[in-house]
Amino acid sequence: MTARILSGKAFAQALKDDARARAGRLAHEHHVTPGLAVVLVGADAASQVYVRNKDKACAEIGLYSEVVRMPEGISKQELIKTIEALNASEKIHGILVQLPLPGKLHAHETEILDHIDPAKDVDGFHPVNMGKLVLGIPGLTPCTPAGCVRMLEHAGIPMDGKRAVIVGRSNIVGKPMLHLLLAKNATVTICHSHTQDLASITREADILVAAVGRPRFITADMVKPGAAVIDVGINRLAPDAEHPRGKLVGDVDFDAVKEVAGAITPVPGGVGLLTVAMLMQNVVHAAEMQVC
């Protein structure tokens, strides 16, 4: 058996089309264009690529986009002041601070993000939005796990009553994924570095989510035949002759696991494409909540 490949491209396009239609209604009915501000501190090359991708997605959908570029040496107080100005801006409905923050600011990331107005927190990381997720109250949800659930829905993969296992307990993916799957009536287990006999648990999963940050960590013998495997990881291997910049791989040994699983996401081309699409959804949703 070879798994069905869950390519992120088609799913992401469906999310973008929906966001475009909803943004169009806001413009027609309320004369409002949803706006996203991305705060970029420093000149990290990877962060600049991510910011360009978000700016491009906004243009594609018809959203207002603003990139606030700040030098690496900016103080915490100056950065917070910038965030508070964006909180007060009527044309900005969503605020995103590109992570990781450089230098001394890195140690203060949580404090800095907490200054974003929860109504404009399109990353869904603010304690208010995390609390709403836990309580089952509608709010802004972290983009990557929300995208994973939307992919499962679009692919027609049932979650109700199914056994789901998440490998990884980060605040960005693992923990919110737990609550999103619970809301879909899955029975959820979350595993981490202290989990004993991990493979015996992952082999019970109808839905297996890998978000551990270790290349090809999930092997074929850890997967239940026919399971849906969602690979959130993205890791760059050491450069070689075929891949001078280093090959990108996920947390799942894709070539081996696809022969066991019923469905699997590739890396690249899987979950990563959904993350930006879900960000666009969150920007429109934030504008709807603020305007309607």
Protein backbone atom coordinates (compact mmCIF):
# COMPACT_ATOMS: atom_id res chain seq x y z
CA MET A 1 0.00 0.00 0.00
CA THR A 2 1.27 3.45 -0.93
CA ALA A 3 -0.18 6.40 0.97
CA ARG A 4 -2.32 9.13 -0.52
CA ILE A 5 -0.11 12.24 -0.70
CA LEU A 6 -1.75 15.24 0.94
CA SER A 7 -0.20 18.06 -1.07
CA GLY A 8 -0.62 21.41 0.64
CA LYS A 9 -1.03 23.38 -2.58
CA ALA A 10 -4.67 22.56 -3.33
CA PHE A 11 -5.76 22.85 0.30
CA ALA A 12 -3.95 26.18 0.71
CA GLN A 13 -5.58 27.55 -2.44
CA ALA A 14 -9.04 26.68 -1.12
CA LEU A 15 -8.28 28.58 2.11
CA LYS A 16 -6.99 31.58 0.17
CA ASP A 17 -10.03 31.61 -2.12
CA ASP A 18 -12.30 31.64 0.94
CA ALA A 19 -10.30 34.47 2.54
CA ARG A 20 -10.46 36.47 -0.71
CA ALA A 21 -14.24 36.10 -0.91
CA ARG A 22 -14.73 37.15 2.73
CA ALA A 23 -12.37 40.12 2.30
CA GLY A 24 -14.42 41.13 -0.74
CA ARG A 25 -17.60 41.12 1.35
CA LEU A 26 -15.94 43.32 3.98
CA ALA A 27 -14.88 45.79 1.30
CA HIS A 28 -18.35 45.81 -0.30
CA GLU A 29 -20.47 45.92 2.85
CA HIS A 30 -18.26 47.88 5.26
CA HIS A 31 -15.70 49.63 2.99
CA VAL A 32 -12.90 47.96 4.95
CA THR A 33 -9.80 46.23 3.59
CA PRO A 34 -8.34 43.76 6.12
CA GLY A 35 -4.81 44.82 7.00
CA LEU A 36 -1.79 42.90 8.26
CA ALA A 37 1.31 44.46 9.83
CA VAL A 38 4.43 42.32 10.09
CA VAL A 39 7.16 43.59 12.40
CA LEU A 40 10.61 42.44 11.24
CA VAL A 41 13.57 43.09 13.53
CA GLY A 42 17.07 42.63 12.09
CA ALA A 43 18.19 41.17 8.78
CA ASP A 44 17.91 37.40 9.22
CA ALA A 45 17.73 35.91 5.72
CA ALA A 46 15.17 33.21 6.53
CA SER A 47 12.90 35.68 8.31
CA GLN A 48 13.03 38.03 5.33
CA VAL A 49 11.93 35.19 3.04
CA TYR A 50 9.00 34.37 5.33
CA VAL A 51 7.96 38.02 5.45
CA ARG A 52 8.10 38.31 1.64
CA ASN A 53 5.87 35.23 1.35
CA LYS A 54 3.31 36.76 3.72
CA ASP A 55 3.39 40.08 1.85
CA LYS A 56 2.92 38.24 -1.45
CA ALA A 57 -0.03 36.26 -0.07
CA CYS A 58 -1.71 39.48 1.09
CA ALA A 59 -1.33 41.00 -2.38
CA GLU A 60 -2.73 37.84 -3.98
CA ILE A 61 -5.85 37.91 -1.80
CA GLY A 62 -6.37 41.67 -1.83
CA LEU A 63 -5.39 42.51 1.74
CA TYR A 64 -3.52 45.58 2.91
CA SER A 65 0.02 44.67 3.99
CA GLU A 66 2.57 46.70 5.90
CA VAL A 67 6.08 45.57 6.85
CA VAL A 68 7.64 47.46 9.75
CA ARG A 69 11.40 46.98 9.54
CA MET A 70 13.45 47.70 12.65
CA PRO A 71 17.21 47.47 13.30
CA GLU A 72 18.56 44.56 15.31
CA GLY A 73 19.77 46.87 18.06
CA ILE A 74 16.35 48.33 18.85
CA SER A 75 15.40 48.30 22.51
CA LYS A 76 12.58 46.26 23.98
CA GLN A 77 10.76 49.48 24.91
CA GLU A 78 10.97 50.84 21.35
CA LEU A 79 9.64 47.59 19.93
CA ILE A 80 6.73 47.54 22.40
CA LYS A 81 5.95 51.18 21.53
CA THR A 82 5.77 50.20 17.85
CA ILE A 83 3.40 47.33 18.63
CA GLU A 84 1.16 49.62 20.68
CA ALA A 85 0.98 52.10 17.78
CA LEU A 86 -0.15 49.26 15.50
CA ASN A 87 -2.73 48.24 18.11
CA ALA A 88 -4.23 51.72 17.76
CA SER A 89 -4.15 51.81 13.94
CA GLU A 90 -7.59 51.50 12.32
CA LYS A 91 -6.20 50.15 9.04
CA ILE A 92 -4.33 47.29 10.78
CA HIS A 93 -6.49 44.34 11.85
CA GLY A 94 -3.71 41.80 12.38
CA ILE A 95 -0.23 42.12 13.88
CA LEU A 96 2.56 39.58 13.60
CA VAL A 97 6.05 39.88 15.09
CA GLN A 98 8.39 37.73 13.03
CA LEU A 99 10.20 35.19 15.21
CA PRO A 100 12.81 34.47 16.34
CA LEU A 101 13.75 37.92 17.60
CA PRO A 102 17.49 38.59 17.40
CA GLY A 103 20.04 39.25 20.12
CA LYS A 104 18.91 40.29 23.59
CA LEU A 105 15.29 40.60 22.45
CA HIS A 106 15.04 36.83 22.08
CA ALA A 107 14.90 36.38 25.85
CA HIS A 108 11.90 38.75 26.03
CA GLU A 109 9.80 37.29 23.20
CA THR A 110 6.87 36.26 25.40
CA GLU A 111 6.71 39.65 27.13
CA ILE A 112 6.86 41.47 23.78
CA LEU A 113 4.16 39.32 22.14
CA ASP A 114 1.88 39.87 25.14
CA HIS A 115 1.66 43.56 24.15
CA ILE A 116 -0.18 42.67 20.91
CA ASP A 117 -3.92 43.37 21.21
CA PRO A 118 -5.51 39.87 21.45
CA ALA A 119 -8.07 40.96 18.84
CA LYS A 120 -5.18 41.55 16.40
CA ASP A 121 -3.05 38.55 17.42
CA VAL A 122 -3.22 36.67 14.10
CA ASP A 123 -0.53 34.20 15.22
CA GLY A 124 -2.91 33.12 17.99
CA PHE A 125 -0.13 33.02 20.61
CA HIS A 126 -1.49 35.57 23.10
CA PRO A 127 -2.57 34.03 26.46
CA VAL A 128 -6.10 35.33 25.85
CA ASN A 129 -6.39 33.46 22.56
CA MET A 130 -4.71 30.35 23.96
CA GLY A 131 -7.17 30.46 26.85
CA LYS A 132 -10.11 30.72 24.46
CA LEU A 133 -8.80 27.69 22.57
CA VAL A 134 -8.63 25.63 25.75
CA LEU A 135 -12.14 26.72 26.77
CA GLY A 136 -13.60 26.13 23.32
CA ILE A 137 -14.45 29.82 22.81
CA PRO A 138 -14.11 31.20 19.24
CA GLY A 139 -10.98 33.29 18.77
CA LEU A 140 -7.76 33.49 16.78
CA THR A 141 -6.04 30.10 16.56
CA PRO A 142 -2.34 29.31 15.85
CA CYS A 143 -1.98 28.98 12.09
CA THR A 144 -0.03 25.74 11.68
CA PRO A 145 -2.21 23.42 13.82
CA ALA A 146 -5.37 25.09 12.50
CA GLY A 147 -4.12 24.43 8.97
CA CYS A 148 -3.50 20.78 9.81
CA VAL A 149 -7.09 20.33 11.01
CA ARG A 150 -8.48 22.11 7.96
CA MET A 151 -6.40 19.80 5.74
CA LEU A 152 -7.83 16.73 7.45
CA GLU A 153 -11.33 18.14 6.95
CA HIS A 154 -10.76 18.95 3.26
CA ALA A 155 -9.22 15.51 2.68
CA GLY A 156 -12.26 13.81 4.19
CA ILE A 157 -10.21 12.12 6.91
CA PRO A 158 -12.49 11.52 9.92
CA MET A 159 -11.44 12.78 13.34
CA ASP A 160 -14.59 12.05 15.35
CA GLY A 161 -13.89 9.12 17.67
CA LYS A 162 -10.46 8.48 16.17
CA ARG A 163 -7.24 7.99 18.14
CA ALA A 164 -4.84 10.88 17.52
CA VAL A 165 -1.24 11.02 18.71
CA ILE A 166 0.87 14.20 18.65
CA VAL A 167 4.63 13.93 18.99
CA GLY A 168 5.82 17.28 20.34
CA ARG A 169 4.37 19.58 23.02
CA SER A 170 5.36 23.06 21.84
CA ASN A 171 3.10 26.06 22.47
CA ILE A 172 3.12 26.75 18.73
CA VAL A 173 1.99 23.34 17.43
CA GLY A 174 1.68 20.48 19.92
CA LYS A 175 -0.46 22.02 22.65
CA PRO A 176 -2.92 23.89 20.39
CA MET A 177 -3.17 20.82 18.15
CA LEU A 178 -4.28 18.83 21.18
CA HIS A 179 -7.23 21.14 21.81
CA LEU A 180 -8.20 21.46 18.14
CA LEU A 181 -8.38 17.68 17.77
CA LEU A 182 -10.30 17.36 21.05
CA ALA A 183 -12.82 19.83 19.65
CA LYS A 184 -13.28 17.43 16.72
CA ASN A 185 -14.03 14.61 19.21
CA ALA A 186 -10.77 12.76 18.69
CA THR A 187 -9.19 10.87 21.59
CA VAL A 188 -5.81 12.58 21.86
CA THR A 189 -2.45 11.59 23.34
CA ILE A 190 0.45 14.03 23.37
CA CYS A 191 3.99 12.63 23.52
CA HIS A 192 7.34 14.28 24.19
CA SER A 193 10.98 13.62 25.05
CA HIS A 194 10.11 11.95 28.36
CA THR A 195 7.51 9.57 26.87
CA GLN A 196 8.41 5.93 27.46
CA ASP A 197 8.04 3.36 24.67
CA LEU A 198 6.99 6.02 22.17
CA ALA A 199 6.60 3.61 19.26
CA SER A 200 3.96 1.55 21.07
CA ILE A 201 1.85 4.72 21.43
CA THR A 202 2.32 6.07 17.90
CA ARG A 203 1.37 2.68 16.45
CA GLU A 204 -2.10 3.11 17.98
CA ALA A 205 -2.74 6.38 16.13
CA ASP A 206 -5.32 6.73 13.39
CA ILE A 207 -3.97 10.27 13.03
CA LEU A 208 -0.29 10.85 13.79
CA VAL A 209 1.06 14.42 13.98
CA ALA A 210 4.85 14.81 14.01
CA ALA A 211 6.06 18.14 15.41
CA VAL A 212 9.26 17.25 17.24
CA GLY A 213 11.91 19.07 15.17
CA ARG A 214 14.11 16.05 14.47
CA PRO A 215 14.73 14.93 10.88
CA ARG A 216 13.09 11.62 9.88
CA PHE A 217 12.35 10.83 13.53
CA ILE A 218 9.11 8.95 12.78
CA THR A 219 9.99 5.67 11.09
CA ALA A 220 7.78 3.12 9.35
CA ASP A 221 7.71 0.75 12.34
CA MET A 222 6.15 3.57 14.44
CA VAL A 223 3.10 3.97 12.18
CA LYS A 224 -0.19 2.08 12.19
CA PRO A 225 -1.05 0.72 8.72
CA GLY A 226 -3.51 3.08 7.04
CA ALA A 227 -2.93 5.99 9.46
CA ALA A 228 -3.02 9.63 8.38
CA VAL A 229 0.43 11.10 9.05
CA ILE A 230 0.77 14.89 9.31
CA ASP A 231 4.40 16.04 9.18
CA VAL A 232 4.82 19.52 10.66
CA GLY A 233 8.62 19.40 10.84
CA ILE A 234 11.02 21.10 8.47
CA ASN A 235 14.71 20.33 8.85
CA ARG A 236 17.70 21.06 6.63
CA LEU A 237 20.23 18.24 6.34
CA ALA A 238 23.97 18.73 5.85
CA PRO A 239 24.91 19.84 2.32
CA ASP A 240 25.95 17.18 -0.17
CA ALA A 241 26.71 16.98 -3.89
CA GLU A 242 23.04 16.62 -4.84
CA HIS A 243 21.80 19.26 -2.38
CA PRO A 244 24.48 21.97 -1.96
CA ARG A 245 22.27 23.95 0.45
CA GLY A 246 21.17 20.86 2.34
CA LYS A 247 18.03 18.83 1.60
CA LEU A 248 14.79 19.83 3.35
CA VAL A 249 13.11 16.92 5.15
CA GLY A 250 10.37 16.58 7.71
CA ASP A 251 10.13 14.83 11.05
CA VAL A 252 8.85 11.73 9.22
CA ASP A 253 10.91 9.28 7.16
CA PHE A 254 8.68 10.00 4.18
CA ASP A 255 9.90 7.36 1.71
CA ALA A 256 9.51 4.53 4.21
CA VAL A 257 6.35 5.72 5.96
CA LYS A 258 4.40 6.34 2.75
CA GLU A 259 4.46 2.57 2.18
CA VAL A 260 2.61 2.03 5.49
CA ALA A 261 0.38 5.07 5.99
CA GLY A 262 -2.98 5.67 4.37
CA ALA A 263 -2.28 9.38 3.86
CA ILE A 264 0.81 11.53 4.41
CA THR A 265 1.94 15.14 3.97
CA PRO A 266 5.21 15.76 2.10
CA VAL A 267 8.02 18.11 3.14
CA PRO A 268 8.34 20.53 1.47
CA GLY A 269 4.93 21.10 -0.13
CA GLY A 270 2.69 20.02 2.72
CA VAL A 271 1.79 21.73 5.99
CA GLY A 272 4.09 24.71 5.36
CA LEU A 273 1.88 25.99 2.55
CA LEU A 274 -1.16 25.85 4.83
CA THR A 275 0.44 28.02 7.51
CA VAL A 276 0.51 31.17 5.34
CA ALA A 277 -2.99 30.42 4.01
CA MET A 278 -4.32 30.12 7.57
CA LEU A 279 -2.61 33.41 8.45
CA MET A 280 -4.65 35.05 5.67
CA GLN A 281 -7.77 33.43 7.14
CA ASN A 282 -6.90 34.84 10.57
CA VAL A 283 -6.34 38.37 9.22
CA VAL A 284 -9.78 38.34 7.57
CA HIS A 285 -11.36 36.77 10.66
CA ALA A 286 -9.77 39.45 12.88
CA ALA A 287 -11.13 42.19 10.60
CA GLU A 288 -14.60 40.60 10.68
CA MET A 289 -14.58 40.54 14.48
CA GLN A 290 -13.43 44.16 14.71
CA VAL A 291 -15.78 45.55 12.08
CA CYS A 292 -18.96 43.47 12.18
